[in-house]
């Protein structure tokens, strides 16, 4: 006998469980099918564990450099087992919190592999969910609507054997039992840069190989240049315009390979290698072939309210590509649920969504880069303000970096804000709110920011757009 639901969600990651909570709030009888653990990649293999590692690396770095604050520490050691235990305790606490939220919302959770069936005796439309449970039993769920929130997995490269021992994905790296002496990182996007920064803080010799002509290719050029400069000062070696020769890779006694760097062959070696070249959606094994849903090997296609070609089946989060961020998946899930209930929703304006890089230094941005704004035909005016002119940054001991603001000369509309420096992953929210409210640089500059605070940089850069910064 199939169990009936208003909504069944495939995947209990950040997008899936948030969608389930919103559905419950709106009165839908809701269930989640989760293959592993509630919280998904973000909680167990991504956002949270990596940031726990980064925090431990930050504390170690600050302890080693404590003398600059007038504090003398005789000996500082890394207890990597302790780092792992702290990471896991945070995950466990948050995991228990998510499970409690499911109970609070009376949301049924089925642990197993969910697969969408085609038309059957249960329904004339595709959409019955067959759940293969861990105990080999099978549950049949009959939902009126489905949200696919199956997330993503690390992307691989042809010819590279990710064995989890010598060549690692980010999933494997989070389970390291000890720190390697050296790490080669392939890919200088957000994941690669966060790991490079973290490992360098832990004392690992880091080399980054990037196929493109700059690191962080989706960020503003000025942010990319500043990030590379600051990471290079800490000993991280960068090779751009670099193409690995796949059949040159050897995985004995570490990893060695050859690569073309700006057209010239060069050899590289390290104890371990991390492949950080993006993520692809989990589209296989969930029954998409039993439907009219359009998808390719990487992602599912949806419209602006997250419906697939099967209008009662929606998809959100990493599995549809776009901005593969936990906070984006959550709000896509809410939007999809509200469309199911009300027939309308407010589509996300992706330009107004902040994105963050939790390396040292941190970087954060919202809106258009300067190049994107110019390509879209805007006549731009740009302000830039350095953290070295902010008293709180000097007190904090991190005065490198800057805030950059881009506005439209014709209308004075705010087009984008880009930051690199201390705690910018927190500061960026003011800029995101400014974008949402159609604020102008003048309005942000007129806002009285407390002194001393890092937020003063926002007020100053807004004034700098019109050449009126006070302290620089």
Protein backbone atom coordinates (compact mmCIF):
# COMPACT_ATOMS: atom_id res chain seq x y z
CA UNK A 1 0.00 0.00 0.00
CA UNK A 2 1.54 3.32 -1.06
CA UNK A 3 1.71 6.07 1.54
CA UNK A 4 0.22 9.31 0.31
CA UNK A 5 1.84 12.74 0.77
CA UNK A 6 1.28 16.26 -0.48
CA UNK A 7 5.03 16.55 -1.01
CA UNK A 8 7.97 14.16 -1.05
CA UNK A 9 11.48 15.59 -1.19
CA UNK A 10 14.35 13.52 -2.56
CA UNK A 11 17.35 14.57 -0.50
CA UNK A 12 17.59 15.89 3.05
CA UNK A 13 20.43 18.35 2.57
CA UNK A 14 20.18 22.06 3.28
CA UNK A 15 17.83 22.70 0.37
CA UNK A 16 15.70 19.63 1.04
CA UNK A 17 15.15 19.94 4.78
CA UNK A 18 14.49 23.70 4.60
CA UNK A 19 11.91 23.08 1.88
CA UNK A 20 10.33 20.42 4.08
CA UNK A 21 10.08 22.80 7.03
CA UNK A 22 8.45 25.48 4.89
CA UNK A 23 6.03 22.90 3.44
CA UNK A 24 5.09 21.78 6.93
CA UNK A 25 4.51 25.39 8.00
CA UNK A 26 2.13 25.79 5.06
CA UNK A 27 0.16 22.69 5.99
CA UNK A 28 1.51 20.12 3.53
CA UNK A 29 1.88 16.50 4.61
CA UNK A 30 5.57 16.11 3.86
CA UNK A 31 8.23 13.42 3.71
CA UNK A 32 11.95 13.39 2.99
CA UNK A 33 13.84 10.51 1.44
CA UNK A 34 17.50 10.68 2.48
CA UNK A 35 20.17 8.26 1.27
CA UNK A 36 22.68 8.98 4.05
CA UNK A 37 22.25 11.61 6.79
CA UNK A 38 20.03 14.68 7.15
CA UNK A 39 22.01 17.82 6.47
CA UNK A 40 23.59 16.50 3.29
CA UNK A 41 26.90 17.60 1.82
CA UNK A 42 26.93 21.02 3.49
CA UNK A 43 26.69 19.64 7.00
CA UNK A 44 28.69 16.44 6.65
CA UNK A 45 31.14 16.91 3.75
CA UNK A 46 31.27 20.60 2.87
CA UNK A 47 30.43 23.93 4.47
CA UNK A 48 30.51 23.02 8.14
CA UNK A 49 33.43 20.58 8.41
CA UNK A 50 35.66 22.65 6.12
CA UNK A 51 34.95 25.81 8.13
CA UNK A 52 35.69 23.93 11.35
CA UNK A 53 39.08 23.01 9.85
CA UNK A 54 39.64 26.60 8.75
CA UNK A 55 38.91 27.86 12.26
CA UNK A 56 41.42 25.43 13.77
CA UNK A 57 43.97 26.55 11.19
CA UNK A 58 43.25 30.18 12.10
CA UNK A 59 43.77 29.54 15.82
CA UNK A 60 47.05 27.76 15.08
CA UNK A 61 48.26 30.59 12.86
CA UNK A 62 47.38 33.20 15.47
CA UNK A 63 49.07 31.17 18.21
CA UNK A 64 52.27 30.85 16.18
CA UNK A 65 52.19 34.61 15.57
CA UNK A 66 51.07 35.56 19.09
CA UNK A 67 54.20 37.65 19.72
CA UNK A 68 52.87 40.41 17.46
CA UNK A 69 50.09 40.88 20.05
CA UNK A 70 52.54 40.91 22.96
CA UNK A 71 51.75 37.33 23.94
CA UNK A 72 54.55 34.80 24.37
CA UNK A 73 53.78 31.12 23.81
CA UNK A 74 56.65 28.69 24.31
CA UNK A 75 55.51 25.86 22.08
CA UNK A 76 52.56 25.42 19.74
CA UNK A 77 51.64 22.02 18.35
CA UNK A 78 48.92 20.71 16.07
CA UNK A 79 46.87 17.84 17.49
CA UNK A 80 45.17 16.83 14.26
CA UNK A 81 43.16 14.14 15.99
CA UNK A 82 41.77 16.92 18.18
CA UNK A 83 41.00 18.99 15.07
CA UNK A 84 39.01 16.07 13.66
CA UNK A 85 37.16 15.46 16.93
CA UNK A 86 36.15 19.12 17.21
CA UNK A 87 34.90 19.06 13.60
CA UNK A 88 32.83 15.96 14.27
CA UNK A 89 31.33 17.31 17.50
CA UNK A 90 30.06 20.37 15.62
CA UNK A 91 28.59 18.19 12.88
CA UNK A 92 26.91 15.93 15.44
CA UNK A 93 25.36 18.85 17.29
CA UNK A 94 23.94 20.38 14.12
CA UNK A 95 22.80 16.98 12.83
CA UNK A 96 20.83 16.37 16.00
CA UNK A 97 19.32 19.84 15.58
CA UNK A 98 18.10 19.04 12.07
CA UNK A 99 16.57 15.76 13.26
CA UNK A 100 14.75 17.67 16.01
CA UNK A 101 13.38 20.11 13.44
CA UNK A 102 11.95 17.20 11.46
CA UNK A 103 10.16 15.92 14.55
CA UNK A 104 8.90 19.39 15.39
CA UNK A 105 7.47 19.79 11.88
CA UNK A 106 5.98 16.27 11.86
CA UNK A 107 7.98 15.53 8.73
CA UNK A 108 8.44 11.83 7.95
CA UNK A 109 11.98 10.81 7.07
CA UNK A 110 12.73 7.65 5.07
CA UNK A 111 16.35 6.57 5.09
CA UNK A 112 17.13 4.85 1.83
CA UNK A 113 17.55 5.32 -1.92
CA UNK A 114 14.57 6.99 -3.55
CA UNK A 115 13.72 6.41 -7.19
CA UNK A 116 10.99 8.05 -9.28
CA UNK A 117 8.80 5.53 -11.06
CA UNK A 118 6.93 6.01 -14.32
CA UNK A 119 3.15 5.70 -14.71
CA UNK A 120 1.90 2.69 -12.78
CA UNK A 121 -1.06 1.22 -10.93
CA UNK A 122 -0.41 3.83 -8.26
CA UNK A 123 -0.57 6.88 -10.52
CA UNK A 124 -1.21 7.68 -14.19
CA UNK A 125 1.64 10.22 -14.02
CA UNK A 126 5.31 9.62 -13.26
CA UNK A 127 6.08 10.36 -9.64
CA UNK A 128 5.50 7.41 -7.36
CA UNK A 129 8.64 7.11 -5.23
CA UNK A 130 10.13 3.70 -4.56
CA UNK A 131 12.36 3.79 -1.49
CA UNK A 132 14.86 0.99 -1.02
CA UNK A 133 15.52 1.01 2.71
CA UNK A 134 18.78 0.07 4.39
CA UNK A 135 17.18 -3.15 5.68
CA UNK A 136 16.36 -4.13 2.07
CA UNK A 137 12.67 -3.46 2.59
CA UNK A 138 10.85 -1.25 0.11
CA UNK A 139 8.43 1.61 0.73
CA UNK A 140 6.17 3.10 -1.92
CA UNK A 141 5.33 6.79 -1.55
CA UNK A 142 2.60 8.47 -3.58
CA UNK A 143 3.12 12.25 -3.56
CA UNK A 144 1.08 14.94 -5.24
CA UNK A 145 4.32 16.89 -5.74
CA UNK A 146 8.03 16.11 -5.65
CA UNK A 147 11.09 18.26 -5.06
CA UNK A 148 14.39 16.80 -6.22
CA UNK A 149 17.14 18.06 -3.94
CA UNK A 150 19.76 15.36 -4.41
CA UNK A 151 22.72 17.73 -4.34
CA UNK A 152 26.07 17.21 -6.01
CA UNK A 153 29.35 15.33 -5.85
CA UNK A 154 32.94 16.34 -6.64
CA UNK A 155 33.69 16.56 -10.35
CA UNK A 156 36.38 14.25 -11.68
CA UNK A 157 38.75 14.68 -14.62
CA UNK A 158 39.24 12.02 -17.28
CA UNK A 159 42.38 10.01 -16.72
CA UNK A 160 42.77 10.89 -13.05
CA UNK A 161 42.23 8.06 -10.56
CA UNK A 162 40.78 9.54 -7.39
CA UNK A 163 41.68 6.68 -5.03
CA UNK A 164 40.98 8.44 -1.74
CA UNK A 165 44.49 7.67 -0.52
CA UNK A 166 46.94 9.64 -2.67
CA UNK A 167 44.60 11.53 -4.99
CA UNK A 168 41.71 12.98 -3.04
CA UNK A 169 38.39 14.69 -3.54
CA UNK A 170 37.31 17.26 -0.96
CA UNK A 171 35.22 14.49 0.65
CA UNK A 172 38.35 12.41 1.23
CA UNK A 173 40.41 15.37 2.40
CA UNK A 174 38.00 16.01 5.26
CA UNK A 175 38.71 12.52 6.57
CA UNK A 176 42.50 12.82 6.63
CA UNK A 177 43.95 11.23 9.78
CA UNK A 178 47.18 13.20 9.55
CA UNK A 179 48.51 16.17 7.64
CA UNK A 180 50.70 15.48 4.60
CA UNK A 181 54.00 17.27 4.24
CA UNK A 182 53.01 18.50 0.79
CA UNK A 183 49.77 18.85 -1.18
CA UNK A 184 49.22 19.53 -4.86
CA UNK A 185 45.81 21.15 -5.46
CA UNK A 186 44.28 21.00 -8.94
CA UNK A 187 41.83 23.86 -9.33
CA UNK A 188 41.94 27.40 -7.94
CA UNK A 189 38.24 28.00 -7.45
CA UNK A 190 36.64 28.52 -4.06
CA UNK A 191 37.21 24.97 -2.79
CA UNK A 192 40.81 24.86 -3.96
CA UNK A 193 41.67 28.24 -2.46
CA UNK A 194 40.07 27.47 0.90
CA UNK A 195 42.02 24.23 1.14
CA UNK A 196 45.24 25.90 0.01
CA UNK A 197 44.89 28.57 2.70
CA UNK A 198 43.99 26.06 5.42
CA UNK A 199 46.80 23.63 4.64
CA UNK A 200 49.37 26.43 4.43
CA UNK A 201 48.29 27.59 7.91
CA UNK A 202 48.81 24.03 9.14
CA UNK A 203 52.36 24.08 7.74
CA UNK A 204 51.79 21.98 4.62
CA UNK A 205 53.78 22.83 1.48
CA UNK A 206 51.06 23.75 -1.05
CA UNK A 207 51.20 23.97 -4.85
CA UNK A 208 48.12 25.03 -6.85
CA UNK A 209 47.66 24.15 -10.52
CA UNK A 210 44.99 26.15 -12.36
CA UNK A 211 43.84 25.61 -15.94
CA UNK A 212 42.67 29.21 -16.36
CA UNK A 213 44.66 32.42 -16.46
CA UNK A 214 43.81 33.50 -12.90
CA UNK A 215 42.66 32.09 -9.59
CA UNK A 216 39.04 32.58 -8.46
CA UNK A 217 37.91 33.13 -12.06
CA UNK A 218 34.32 34.05 -11.11
CA UNK A 219 35.40 36.87 -8.80
CA UNK A 220 36.34 40.45 -9.62
CA UNK A 221 39.82 40.62 -11.14
CA UNK A 222 41.10 42.86 -8.34
CA UNK A 223 39.99 40.31 -5.73
CA UNK A 224 41.71 37.49 -7.62
CA UNK A 225 44.98 39.43 -7.84
CA UNK A 226 44.94 40.41 -4.17
CA UNK A 227 44.13 36.87 -3.03
CA UNK A 228 46.98 35.41 -5.06
CA UNK A 229 49.38 38.04 -3.77
CA UNK A 230 48.52 37.40 -0.14
CA UNK A 231 48.54 33.61 -0.43
CA UNK A 232 51.85 33.67 -2.31
CA UNK A 233 53.34 35.70 0.56
CA UNK A 234 52.53 32.73 2.80
CA UNK A 235 54.46 30.35 0.57
CA UNK A 236 51.69 28.93 -1.63
CA UNK A 237 52.95 28.35 -5.17
CA UNK A 238 50.62 29.05 -8.10
CA UNK A 239 50.87 27.77 -11.67
CA UNK A 240 48.21 29.16 -14.02
CA UNK A 241 47.45 28.32 -17.65
CA UNK A 242 48.36 24.78 -16.60
CA UNK A 243 47.05 21.62 -18.27
CA UNK A 244 47.79 18.28 -16.65
CA UNK A 245 48.99 15.46 -18.91
CA UNK A 246 46.72 12.72 -17.58
CA UNK A 247 48.77 9.71 -18.65
CA UNK A 248 51.82 11.16 -16.86
CA UNK A 249 50.34 10.70 -13.38
CA UNK A 250 52.06 8.19 -11.09
CA UNK A 251 50.62 7.36 -7.66
CA UNK A 252 53.48 5.49 -5.99
CA UNK A 253 55.29 7.15 -3.08
CA UNK A 254 52.99 10.15 -3.43
CA UNK A 255 51.95 11.60 -6.75
CA UNK A 256 54.05 12.87 -9.64
CA UNK A 257 52.85 14.29 -12.93
CA UNK A 258 53.74 16.42 -15.90
CA UNK A 259 51.81 19.47 -17.03
CA UNK A 260 51.99 22.09 -19.73
CA UNK A 261 52.46 25.46 -18.04
CA UNK A 262 51.97 28.29 -20.52
CA UNK A 263 52.86 25.75 -23.21
CA UNK A 264 56.02 24.48 -21.50
CA UNK A 265 56.28 21.00 -19.96
CA UNK A 266 56.99 20.93 -16.25
CA UNK A 267 57.08 18.19 -13.59
CA UNK A 268 55.32 18.34 -10.20
CA UNK A 269 55.28 16.05 -7.19
CA UNK A 270 53.67 15.98 -3.75
CA UNK A 271 52.74 13.55 -1.01
CA UNK A 272 49.06 13.91 -1.91
CA UNK A 273 46.92 15.62 -4.51
CA UNK A 274 43.50 17.25 -4.07
CA UNK A 275 41.24 17.46 -7.10
CA UNK A 276 39.08 20.58 -6.69
CA UNK A 277 37.56 21.24 -10.12
CA UNK A 278 33.94 21.84 -9.20
CA UNK A 279 30.89 19.68 -8.56
CA UNK A 280 28.25 17.93 -10.67
CA UNK A 281 24.65 17.18 -9.80
CA UNK A 282 23.51 13.80 -8.50
CA UNK A 283 21.22 12.97 -11.43
CA UNK A 284 21.87 9.25 -11.81
CA UNK A 285 19.96 6.46 -10.13
CA UNK A 286 16.93 8.54 -9.12
CA UNK A 287 14.61 7.54 -11.95
CA UNK A 288 14.77 10.60 -14.17
CA UNK A 289 14.68 8.33 -17.21
CA UNK A 290 11.16 7.30 -16.17
CA UNK A 291 9.92 10.87 -16.66
CA UNK A 292 9.87 13.66 -19.23
CA UNK A 293 12.33 15.66 -17.13
CA UNK A 294 15.10 17.24 -19.20
CA UNK A 295 18.61 16.75 -17.85
CA UNK A 296 22.14 16.06 -18.93
CA UNK A 297 25.03 14.26 -17.25
CA UNK A 298 25.52 17.14 -14.85
CA UNK A 299 22.29 18.97 -14.03
CA UNK A 300 18.47 19.02 -14.25
CA UNK A 301 16.76 21.74 -16.29
CA UNK A 302 14.09 23.83 -14.54
CA UNK A 303 12.07 26.99 -15.19
CA UNK A 304 12.15 30.16 -13.10
CA UNK A 305 9.94 28.62 -10.38
CA UNK A 306 12.05 25.41 -10.29
CA UNK A 307 9.57 23.20 -12.15
CA UNK A 308 10.93 20.50 -14.40
CA UNK A 309 9.16 19.53 -17.62
CA UNK A 310 6.94 17.40 -15.36
CA UNK A 311 5.11 20.31 -13.71
CA UNK A 312 4.44 18.48 -10.43
CA UNK A 313 8.14 17.68 -10.07
CA UNK A 314 10.50 20.47 -9.01
CA UNK A 315 14.28 20.52 -8.58
CA UNK A 316 16.46 22.81 -6.46
CA UNK A 317 20.00 23.29 -5.24
CA UNK A 318 23.23 21.89 -6.61
CA UNK A 319 21.42 19.38 -8.82
CA UNK A 320 20.23 22.24 -11.08
CA UNK A 321 23.64 23.95 -11.25
CA UNK A 322 23.82 27.73 -11.02
CA UNK A 323 25.08 29.12 -7.71
CA UNK A 324 25.94 25.93 -5.85
CA UNK A 325 25.63 27.42 -2.37
CA UNK A 326 23.74 26.15 0.67
CA UNK A 327 21.89 29.42 1.27
CA UNK A 328 20.83 29.49 -2.38
CA UNK A 329 19.47 25.92 -2.20
CA UNK A 330 17.48 26.81 0.93
CA UNK A 331 15.77 29.78 -0.70
CA UNK A 332 15.17 27.88 -3.93
CA UNK A 333 13.43 25.24 -1.82
CA UNK A 334 11.25 27.83 -0.11
CA UNK A 335 10.35 29.38 -3.47
CA UNK A 336 9.43 25.98 -4.93
CA UNK A 337 7.20 25.12 -1.95
CA UNK A 338 5.43 28.47 -2.09
CA UNK A 339 4.76 27.93 -5.80
CA UNK A 340 3.30 24.50 -5.03
CA UNK A 341 0.98 25.98 -2.40
CA UNK A 342 0.09 29.35 -3.88
CA UNK A 343 0.78 28.98 -7.59
CA UNK A 344 3.08 32.00 -7.32
CA UNK A 345 6.44 32.74 -5.77
CA UNK A 346 9.17 35.34 -5.84
CA UNK A 347 11.98 34.01 -8.05
CA UNK A 348 15.44 34.55 -6.64
CA UNK A 349 17.45 37.46 -7.98
CA UNK A 350 20.81 35.72 -8.14
CA UNK A 351 22.64 39.01 -8.69
CA UNK A 352 21.68 40.03 -5.14
CA UNK A 353 22.97 36.87 -3.46
CA UNK A 354 26.22 37.16 -1.53
CA UNK A 355 28.97 34.59 -2.04
CA UNK A 356 31.84 34.00 0.37
CA UNK A 357 35.32 32.48 0.45
CA UNK A 358 36.48 31.50 3.94
CA UNK A 359 40.22 31.45 3.31
CA UNK A 360 42.78 33.70 5.00
CA UNK A 361 42.22 36.38 3.92
CA UNK A 362 38.47 36.01 3.53
CA UNK A 363 36.77 37.28 0.38
CA UNK A 364 33.11 38.05 -0.28
CA UNK A 365 31.07 39.63 -3.02
CA UNK A 366 27.60 40.48 -4.24
CA UNK A 367 26.38 41.81 -7.56
CA UNK A 368 28.32 42.41 -10.75
CA UNK A 369 32.08 42.49 -11.09
CA UNK A 370 33.52 45.60 -12.73
CA UNK A 371 34.10 43.69 -15.96
CA UNK A 372 30.56 42.25 -15.97
CA UNK A 373 29.07 45.70 -15.43
CA UNK A 374 31.05 47.14 -18.35
CA UNK A 375 30.09 44.19 -20.57
CA UNK A 376 26.42 44.86 -19.75
CA UNK A 377 26.82 48.41 -21.03
CA UNK A 378 26.99 50.35 -17.77
CA UNK A 379 29.12 53.46 -17.51
CA UNK A 380 30.59 52.64 -14.12
CA UNK A 381 32.15 54.57 -11.29
CA UNK A 382 34.29 52.65 -8.82
CA UNK A 383 35.42 53.28 -5.28
CA UNK A 384 38.04 51.31 -3.38
CA UNK A 385 39.03 51.63 0.26
CA UNK A 386 41.86 49.76 2.06
CA UNK A 387 41.52 48.08 5.44
CA UNK A 388 44.89 49.55 6.44
CA UNK A 389 43.02 52.85 6.93
CA UNK A 390 40.55 51.23 9.36
CA UNK A 391 41.54 51.37 13.03
CA UNK A 392 39.72 48.16 13.98
CA UNK A 393 41.59 46.24 11.26
CA UNK A 394 44.91 47.42 12.72
CA UNK A 395 43.79 46.48 16.22
CA UNK A 396 42.64 43.11 14.94
CA UNK A 397 46.01 42.53 13.28
CA UNK A 398 44.64 42.02 9.76
CA UNK A 399 44.92 45.18 7.72
CA UNK A 400 45.62 43.73 4.28
CA UNK A 401 42.89 43.92 1.67
CA UNK A 402 40.16 46.35 0.61
CA UNK A 403 36.51 46.92 -0.21
CA UNK A 404 35.52 47.76 -3.77
CA UNK A 405 32.17 49.27 -4.77
CA UNK A 406 30.80 49.59 -8.30
CA UNK A 407 27.93 51.93 -9.23
CA UNK A 408 26.17 53.18 -12.34
CA UNK A 409 27.22 56.74 -13.21
CA UNK A 410 23.89 57.51 -14.86
CA UNK A 411 21.56 56.42 -12.04
CA UNK A 412 23.90 56.06 -9.06
CA UNK A 413 22.50 52.54 -8.57
CA UNK A 414 24.67 50.11 -6.67
CA UNK A 415 25.90 47.38 -9.05
CA UNK A 416 28.33 45.32 -6.99
CA UNK A 417 30.49 45.15 -3.88
CA UNK A 418 33.64 43.05 -3.55
CA UNK A 419 35.72 42.59 -0.40
CA UNK A 420 38.92 40.88 0.68
CA UNK A 421 40.16 41.16 4.24
CA UNK A 422 39.16 40.52 7.86
CA UNK A 423 35.65 39.17 8.51
CA UNK A 424 34.34 40.22 5.12
CA UNK A 425 32.13 37.12 5.00
CA UNK A 426 30.14 38.83 7.76
CA UNK A 427 30.43 42.37 6.39
CA UNK A 428 29.03 41.41 2.97
CA UNK A 429 25.47 41.17 4.31
CA UNK A 430 25.20 44.96 4.53
CA UNK A 431 26.10 45.17 0.85
CA UNK A 432 23.57 42.42 -0.01
CA UNK A 433 20.85 44.33 1.86
CA UNK A 434 21.85 47.46 -0.03
CA UNK A 435 21.44 45.60 -3.32
CA UNK A 436 18.03 44.25 -2.27
CA UNK A 437 16.78 47.71 -1.28
CA UNK A 438 18.20 49.41 -4.40
CA UNK A 439 20.43 51.55 -2.23
CA UNK A 440 22.82 54.07 -3.71
CA UNK A 441 26.41 54.57 -2.55
CA UNK A 442 25.28 57.95 -1.14
CA UNK A 443 22.74 56.24 1.14
CA UNK A 444 25.30 53.74 2.40
CA UNK A 445 27.82 56.55 2.92
CA UNK A 446 25.25 58.56 4.87
CA UNK A 447 24.68 55.61 7.22
CA UNK A 448 26.65 56.28 10.39
CA UNK A 449 28.88 53.27 11.02
CA UNK A 450 30.21 52.72 14.57
CA UNK A 451 33.83 53.48 15.39
CA UNK A 452 36.02 51.55 15.71
CA UNK A 453 34.53 48.80 13.57
CA UNK A 454 35.39 46.96 10.40
CA UNK A 455 32.03 48.09 8.99
CA UNK A 456 33.46 51.60 8.64
CA UNK A 457 35.07 50.31 5.44
CA UNK A 458 31.58 50.07 3.89
CA UNK A 459 30.79 53.68 4.70
CA UNK A 460 34.16 54.87 3.44
CA UNK A 461 34.08 52.93 0.15
CA UNK A 462 30.61 54.30 -0.55
CA UNK A 463 32.02 57.81 -0.19
CA UNK A 464 35.06 56.82 -2.26
CA UNK A 465 32.80 56.07 -5.26
CA UNK A 466 32.42 59.85 -5.65
CA UNK A 467 35.93 60.67 -4.45
CA UNK A 468 34.78 61.74 -0.97
CA UNK A 469 36.37 59.15 1.33
CA UNK A 470 37.40 60.74 4.62
CA UNK A 471 40.28 58.59 5.84
CA UNK A 472 42.13 57.82 2.62
